[in-house]
Amino acid sequence: MTDREMKLQQVFASSRGMLVQKSYLLAQLDNCSESTLKRTINNLRNKFLVPLKYDRQNHGWRSDKSYTMPGLFFSDNELYAFLVLEQLLENMDEGLVSEQLFVAKEKINRLLASKLKTDIKITDKLRFISIFHRTYNKDIFQTIAKAAFNEAKITIDYYAKNNKKSSRVVSPQRIVHYKNNWYLDAFCHLRKDLRIFSIDGISQVKTLDEPAKIIPTEQINTVVQSSYGIFSGTAKKIAVLNFYPPVAFWIAKEKWHPKQQSKWLKNDILELKIPYNKEQELLADILRYATHVKIISPKSLRQSLVNQATTLLKNNT
């Protein structure tokens, strides 16, 4: 359905059988020609079965009093936006919600069929590439998601990065997609505090018949988002980094942290200030630009980078 057809359909659905004059319809279509108006109305009648009758005496059209808008009609831009969203979700979760979206996807594809060339495949024109993502159990993800929306406690068996297993009772707060991987922000009833769990590290999950302890969003943001990286906590330090051309111009467009600060120095050097607590993830990102960045402060972060570079050199000589 084109934008013109959708506009007129909305007009007739809201008119509830009252006469809609030609002059009003032309104005709704940005004063298009009468031939374009008639062609659009004919399309509504023939393609979308909108019950329209022309009133010659009053120079207008009426729809059936019982006519209402069908349930699934979108403008061209909305259809393409939904298509991009569906492709993004399918790529992001490798089938996690694809089955649930299948019906909507099929309807959108049918609506788009008249607008695309028959030999064009959607995946040939729209592609998302996801790298460095870890695999996870889809059933576990869906159980956690359901518990989060229902605000119910869950028990989890969790393997930390040191491969140590622990069993926890947690209250899910929200699920986060960060750097191509999924995480769970949750209140841990063992530690009596907010914790972040990598969902790929959860081997078992069970929903309990108990309400979750819900933490205000502002409090979660303060703990989780105040410092660099998802494994951090409340920010205790500020990293001051100087980036040199040509990398500096790319860094100026990147969002490393919601509260980062940046300014241009002489000779096209970009100064970036990032709050952080634990340095591991920040160092990993700094190393991506090792030949075009200098750590100004703190000294401890600069020394950690030197130590990593020394180890890297030792392991490869």
Protein backbone atom coordinates (compact mmCIF):
# COMPACT_ATOMS: atom_id res chain seq x y z
CA MET A 1 0.00 0.00 0.00
CA THR A 2 1.40 3.37 -1.03
CA ASP A 3 1.45 6.43 1.23
CA ARG A 4 -1.35 8.01 -0.84
CA GLU A 5 -3.54 4.92 -0.52
CA MET A 6 -2.92 4.72 3.20
CA LYS A 7 -3.79 8.40 3.73
CA LEU A 8 -7.08 8.06 1.90
CA GLN A 9 -7.92 4.81 3.66
CA GLN A 10 -7.47 6.55 7.02
CA VAL A 11 -9.71 9.41 5.88
CA PHE A 12 -12.52 7.08 4.82
CA ALA A 13 -12.22 4.90 7.93
CA SER A 14 -12.61 7.96 10.17
CA SER A 15 -15.47 9.45 8.10
CA ARG A 16 -17.81 6.57 9.11
CA GLY A 17 -20.02 6.86 6.05
CA MET A 18 -20.09 10.66 5.85
CA LEU A 19 -19.44 12.34 2.50
CA VAL A 20 -15.79 13.22 1.84
CA GLN A 21 -15.55 15.86 -0.86
CA LYS A 22 -13.11 15.72 -3.74
CA SER A 23 -11.46 19.02 -2.74
CA TYR A 24 -10.67 17.66 0.74
CA LEU A 25 -9.19 14.45 -0.65
CA LEU A 26 -7.03 16.40 -3.10
CA ALA A 27 -5.72 18.51 -0.21
CA GLN A 28 -4.88 15.35 1.76
CA LEU A 29 -2.78 14.19 -1.18
CA ASP A 30 -0.87 17.47 -1.35
CA ASN A 31 -3.07 18.80 -4.15
CA CYS A 32 -2.26 16.05 -6.62
CA SER A 33 -4.05 15.85 -9.95
CA GLU A 34 -7.64 14.57 -10.19
CA SER A 35 -6.46 11.66 -12.31
CA THR A 36 -4.04 10.60 -9.54
CA LEU A 37 -6.85 10.85 -6.99
CA LYS A 38 -9.17 8.69 -9.10
CA ARG A 39 -6.41 6.13 -9.70
CA THR A 40 -5.71 5.95 -5.96
CA ILE A 41 -9.40 5.49 -5.13
CA ASN A 42 -9.71 2.77 -7.76
CA ASN A 43 -6.75 0.98 -6.18
CA LEU A 44 -8.46 1.15 -2.78
CA ARG A 45 -11.60 -0.36 -4.28
CA ASN A 46 -10.00 -3.08 -6.38
CA LYS A 47 -6.83 -4.05 -4.54
CA PHE A 48 -7.83 -3.46 -0.93
CA LEU A 49 -11.63 -3.86 -1.20
CA VAL A 50 -12.45 -0.55 0.48
CA PRO A 51 -16.26 -0.05 -0.03
CA LEU A 52 -16.38 3.37 -1.74
CA LYS A 53 -19.27 4.96 -3.68
CA TYR A 54 -19.09 8.18 -5.68
CA ASP A 55 -21.74 10.86 -5.06
CA ARG A 56 -22.01 12.75 -8.36
CA GLN A 57 -24.36 15.41 -6.98
CA ASN A 58 -22.04 16.39 -4.11
CA HIS A 59 -18.71 15.62 -5.84
CA GLY A 60 -17.35 13.27 -3.24
CA TRP A 61 -17.08 9.69 -2.01
CA ARG A 62 -18.64 7.75 0.84
CA SER A 63 -17.50 4.54 2.50
CA ASP A 64 -19.70 1.98 4.20
CA LYS A 65 -20.61 3.08 7.75
CA SER A 66 -19.17 -0.13 9.19
CA TYR A 67 -15.83 0.20 7.42
CA THR A 68 -12.76 0.27 9.66
CA MET A 69 -9.04 0.16 8.97
CA PRO A 70 -7.62 -3.37 8.44
CA GLY A 71 -5.20 -4.59 11.07
CA LEU A 72 -1.91 -4.56 9.16
CA PHE A 73 -1.22 -1.74 6.73
CA PHE A 74 1.95 0.30 6.70
CA SER A 75 3.44 3.05 4.61
CA ASP A 76 6.40 2.24 2.35
CA ASN A 77 8.89 3.69 4.84
CA GLU A 78 7.32 1.75 7.72
CA LEU A 79 7.50 -1.51 5.77
CA TYR A 80 11.18 -1.07 4.99
CA ALA A 81 11.86 -0.08 8.61
CA PHE A 82 10.15 -3.28 9.82
CA LEU A 83 12.16 -5.29 7.32
CA VAL A 84 15.44 -3.83 8.61
CA LEU A 85 14.36 -4.51 12.19
CA GLU A 86 13.45 -8.12 11.42
CA GLN A 87 16.79 -8.73 9.68
CA LEU A 88 18.65 -7.11 12.58
CA LEU A 89 16.88 -9.27 15.17
CA GLU A 90 17.37 -12.45 13.12
CA ASN A 91 21.08 -11.75 12.81
CA MET A 92 21.42 -10.70 16.43
CA ASP A 93 19.93 -13.81 17.99
CA GLU A 94 20.42 -16.51 15.35
CA GLY A 95 16.83 -17.68 15.47
CA LEU A 96 15.86 -16.68 19.00
CA VAL A 97 12.79 -14.70 17.96
CA SER A 98 12.66 -15.64 14.29
CA GLU A 99 9.89 -18.19 14.82
CA GLN A 100 7.76 -15.65 16.68
CA LEU A 101 8.36 -13.08 13.95
CA PHE A 102 7.74 -15.52 11.09
CA VAL A 103 4.07 -14.61 10.54
CA ALA A 104 4.72 -10.86 10.63
CA LYS A 105 7.74 -11.31 8.36
CA GLU A 106 5.68 -13.21 5.80
CA LYS A 107 2.99 -10.51 5.78
CA ILE A 108 5.58 -7.76 5.38
CA ASN A 109 7.26 -9.66 2.53
CA ARG A 110 3.92 -10.05 0.76
CA LEU A 111 3.19 -6.35 1.13
CA LEU A 112 6.64 -5.53 -0.23
CA ALA A 113 6.39 -8.00 -3.10
CA SER A 114 4.65 -5.49 -5.34
CA LYS A 115 7.38 -2.93 -4.70
CA LEU A 116 10.45 -5.14 -5.29
CA LYS A 117 11.69 -6.66 -8.50
CA THR A 118 10.82 -10.32 -8.66
CA ASP A 119 14.46 -11.42 -8.97
CA ILE A 120 15.67 -9.43 -5.95
CA LYS A 121 16.35 -11.27 -2.70
CA ILE A 122 16.07 -9.26 0.49
CA THR A 123 19.27 -10.78 1.88
CA ASP A 124 21.12 -9.59 -1.24
CA LYS A 125 20.24 -5.98 -0.41
CA LEU A 126 20.35 -6.02 3.38
CA ARG A 127 23.01 -7.79 5.39
CA PHE A 128 24.23 -7.68 8.99
CA ILE A 129 27.54 -9.25 10.00
CA SER A 130 27.98 -10.27 13.61
CA ILE A 131 31.41 -11.35 14.89
CA PHE A 132 32.96 -12.23 18.23
CA HIS A 133 29.64 -13.38 19.64
CA ARG A 134 29.41 -16.34 21.99
CA THR A 135 26.85 -19.12 21.65
CA TYR A 136 24.15 -19.55 24.28
CA ASN A 137 21.18 -21.78 25.00
CA LYS A 138 18.02 -20.34 23.42
CA ASP A 139 15.70 -22.07 25.90
CA ILE A 140 17.65 -20.61 28.81
CA PHE A 141 17.45 -17.16 27.24
CA GLN A 142 13.68 -17.38 26.77
CA THR A 143 13.15 -18.59 30.35
CA ILE A 144 15.20 -15.68 31.67
CA ALA A 145 13.39 -13.19 29.43
CA LYS A 146 9.97 -14.46 30.56
CA ALA A 147 10.99 -14.24 34.22
CA ALA A 148 12.30 -10.71 33.70
CA PHE A 149 9.01 -9.51 32.19
CA ASN A 150 6.95 -11.38 34.80
CA GLU A 151 9.22 -10.09 37.60
CA ALA A 152 9.84 -13.55 39.06
CA LYS A 153 12.91 -14.91 40.84
CA ILE A 154 15.04 -17.56 39.15
CA THR A 155 17.77 -19.97 40.20
CA ILE A 156 20.78 -20.24 37.91
CA ASP A 157 23.88 -22.38 37.62
CA TYR A 158 26.58 -20.01 36.47
CA TYR A 159 30.12 -20.47 35.20
CA ALA A 160 32.26 -17.38 35.74
CA LYS A 161 35.23 -16.48 33.52
CA ASN A 162 37.53 -18.47 35.81
CA ASN A 163 35.28 -21.50 35.00
CA LYS A 164 34.12 -21.80 38.61
CA LYS A 165 30.51 -22.91 38.94
CA SER A 166 28.09 -21.40 41.44
CA SER A 167 24.36 -21.65 42.03
CA ARG A 168 22.49 -18.42 42.67
CA VAL A 169 18.99 -17.16 43.35
CA VAL A 170 18.63 -13.91 41.44
CA SER A 171 15.96 -11.37 40.61
CA PRO A 172 16.22 -10.51 36.90
CA GLN A 173 16.11 -6.78 36.22
CA ARG A 174 16.80 -6.51 32.49
CA ILE A 175 18.54 -8.23 29.59
CA VAL A 176 21.29 -6.31 27.78
CA HIS A 177 22.81 -6.84 24.34
CA TYR A 178 26.37 -5.49 24.46
CA LYS A 179 29.11 -5.94 21.89
CA ASN A 180 27.29 -8.83 20.16
CA ASN A 181 26.65 -10.76 23.39
CA TRP A 182 23.77 -11.06 25.88
CA TYR A 183 23.96 -10.22 29.58
CA LEU A 184 21.59 -10.27 32.52
CA ASP A 185 21.44 -7.43 35.04
CA ALA A 186 20.13 -9.06 38.22
CA PHE A 187 19.94 -8.65 41.96
CA CYS A 188 21.93 -11.52 43.47
CA HIS A 189 20.34 -12.72 46.72
CA LEU A 190 23.61 -14.42 47.71
CA ARG A 191 25.74 -11.27 47.40
CA LYS A 192 22.88 -8.90 48.32
CA ASP A 193 23.83 -6.66 45.45
CA LEU A 194 23.43 -6.04 41.72
CA ARG A 195 25.46 -8.33 39.49
CA ILE A 196 25.95 -8.82 35.75
CA PHE A 197 25.82 -12.37 34.38
CA SER A 198 26.87 -13.39 30.90
CA ILE A 199 23.94 -15.45 29.60
CA ASP A 200 26.24 -17.83 27.74
CA GLY A 201 27.73 -18.70 31.16
CA ILE A 202 24.36 -19.86 32.55
CA SER A 203 24.03 -23.64 32.19
CA GLN A 204 20.70 -24.11 33.95
CA VAL A 205 17.80 -21.89 34.95
CA LYS A 206 14.56 -22.47 36.85
CA THR A 207 11.77 -20.01 37.51
CA LEU A 208 10.61 -19.78 41.13
CA ASP A 209 7.11 -19.06 42.33
CA GLU A 210 8.34 -15.97 44.14
CA PRO A 211 8.21 -12.29 43.16
CA ALA A 212 11.51 -10.73 42.19
CA LYS A 213 13.14 -7.92 44.10
CA ILE A 214 12.96 -5.01 41.67
CA ILE A 215 15.62 -2.29 41.76
CA PRO A 216 14.79 1.21 40.45
CA THR A 217 16.16 1.74 36.94
CA GLU A 218 18.05 4.86 38.04
CA GLN A 219 19.91 2.81 40.66
CA ILE A 220 20.81 0.12 38.13
CA ASN A 221 22.09 2.76 35.69
CA THR A 222 24.24 4.30 38.41
CA VAL A 223 25.91 0.98 39.19
CA VAL A 224 26.14 -0.52 35.71
CA GLN A 225 26.57 2.44 33.37
CA SER A 226 28.63 4.83 35.46
CA SER A 227 31.95 3.38 34.35
CA TYR A 228 33.46 1.90 31.20
CA GLY A 229 32.39 -1.56 30.12
CA ILE A 230 29.72 -3.93 31.28
CA PHE A 231 31.89 -5.66 33.88
CA SER A 232 32.67 -2.52 35.82
CA GLY A 233 30.76 -0.86 38.64
CA THR A 234 30.81 2.62 40.08
CA ALA A 235 33.47 4.69 38.32
CA LYS A 236 36.55 5.39 40.42
CA LYS A 237 38.98 6.65 37.78
CA ILE A 238 39.04 8.74 34.63
CA ALA A 239 41.11 7.60 31.66
CA VAL A 240 42.53 10.43 29.56
CA LEU A 241 43.47 9.26 26.07
CA ASN A 242 45.00 11.17 23.17
CA PHE A 243 44.20 9.85 19.70
CA TYR A 244 46.27 10.90 16.68
CA PRO A 245 45.30 11.28 13.02
CA PRO A 246 43.91 9.61 11.03
CA VAL A 247 42.32 7.46 13.76
CA ALA A 248 41.27 10.55 15.74
CA PHE A 249 38.62 11.47 13.18
CA TRP A 250 37.00 8.03 13.51
CA ILE A 251 37.17 8.04 17.30
CA ALA A 252 35.38 11.40 17.33
CA LYS A 253 32.31 9.60 15.94
CA GLU A 254 32.47 6.63 18.32
CA LYS A 255 30.55 6.27 21.58
CA TRP A 256 32.76 4.52 24.11
CA HIS A 257 30.74 5.55 27.16
CA PRO A 258 27.52 7.52 27.84
CA LYS A 259 29.42 10.03 29.97
CA GLN A 260 32.58 10.38 27.91
CA GLN A 261 34.04 13.82 27.23
CA SER A 262 36.07 14.78 24.20
CA LYS A 263 37.79 17.83 22.77
CA TRP A 264 40.13 18.63 19.91
CA LEU A 265 43.72 19.60 20.72
CA LYS A 266 46.36 21.05 18.45
CA ASN A 267 47.53 19.09 15.40
CA ASP A 268 44.18 17.26 15.09
CA ILE A 269 44.71 15.30 18.30
CA LEU A 270 41.49 14.16 20.01
CA GLU A 271 41.41 14.01 23.79
CA LEU A 272 38.92 11.48 25.15
CA LYS A 273 38.03 11.16 28.84
CA ILE A 274 36.33 7.94 29.94
CA PRO A 275 35.17 7.00 33.47
CA TYR A 276 36.08 3.44 34.45
CA ASN A 277 36.56 1.07 37.35
CA LYS A 278 38.09 -2.17 36.08
CA GLU A 279 40.60 -1.66 33.30
CA GLN A 280 40.59 -4.97 31.40
CA GLU A 281 37.94 -4.13 28.82
CA LEU A 282 39.17 -0.58 28.38
CA LEU A 283 42.70 -1.83 27.70
CA ALA A 284 41.39 -4.26 25.08
CA ASP A 285 39.73 -1.40 23.21
CA ILE A 286 42.77 0.85 23.53
CA LEU A 287 44.96 -1.89 22.03
CA ARG A 288 42.85 -1.78 18.85
CA TYR A 289 44.44 1.63 18.18
CA ALA A 290 47.80 0.95 19.80
CA THR A 291 49.89 2.85 17.23
CA HIS A 292 47.63 5.92 17.26
CA VAL A 293 46.84 6.42 20.94
CA LYS A 294 48.65 7.59 24.04
CA ILE A 295 47.41 7.14 27.61
CA ILE A 296 47.90 10.44 29.39
CA SER A 297 46.51 9.33 32.73
CA PRO A 298 46.31 7.56 35.08
CA LYS A 299 49.82 6.16 35.29
CA SER A 300 48.50 2.77 36.46
CA LEU A 301 46.52 2.34 33.23
CA ARG A 302 49.54 3.31 31.12
CA GLN A 303 51.74 0.83 33.02
CA SER A 304 49.18 -1.94 32.48
CA LEU A 305 49.29 -1.26 28.75
CA VAL A 306 53.10 -1.41 28.79
CA ASN A 307 52.94 -4.72 30.67
CA GLN A 308 50.51 -6.18 28.14
CA ALA A 309 52.63 -4.96 25.22
CA THR A 310 55.73 -6.49 26.82
CA THR A 311 53.98 -9.84 27.25
CA LEU A 312 52.66 -9.68 23.70
CA LEU A 313 56.17 -9.02 22.36
CA LYS A 314 57.63 -11.82 24.47
CA ASN A 315 55.05 -14.32 23.26
CA ASN A 316 55.72 -13.50 19.62
CA THR A 317 59.53 -13.34 19.48
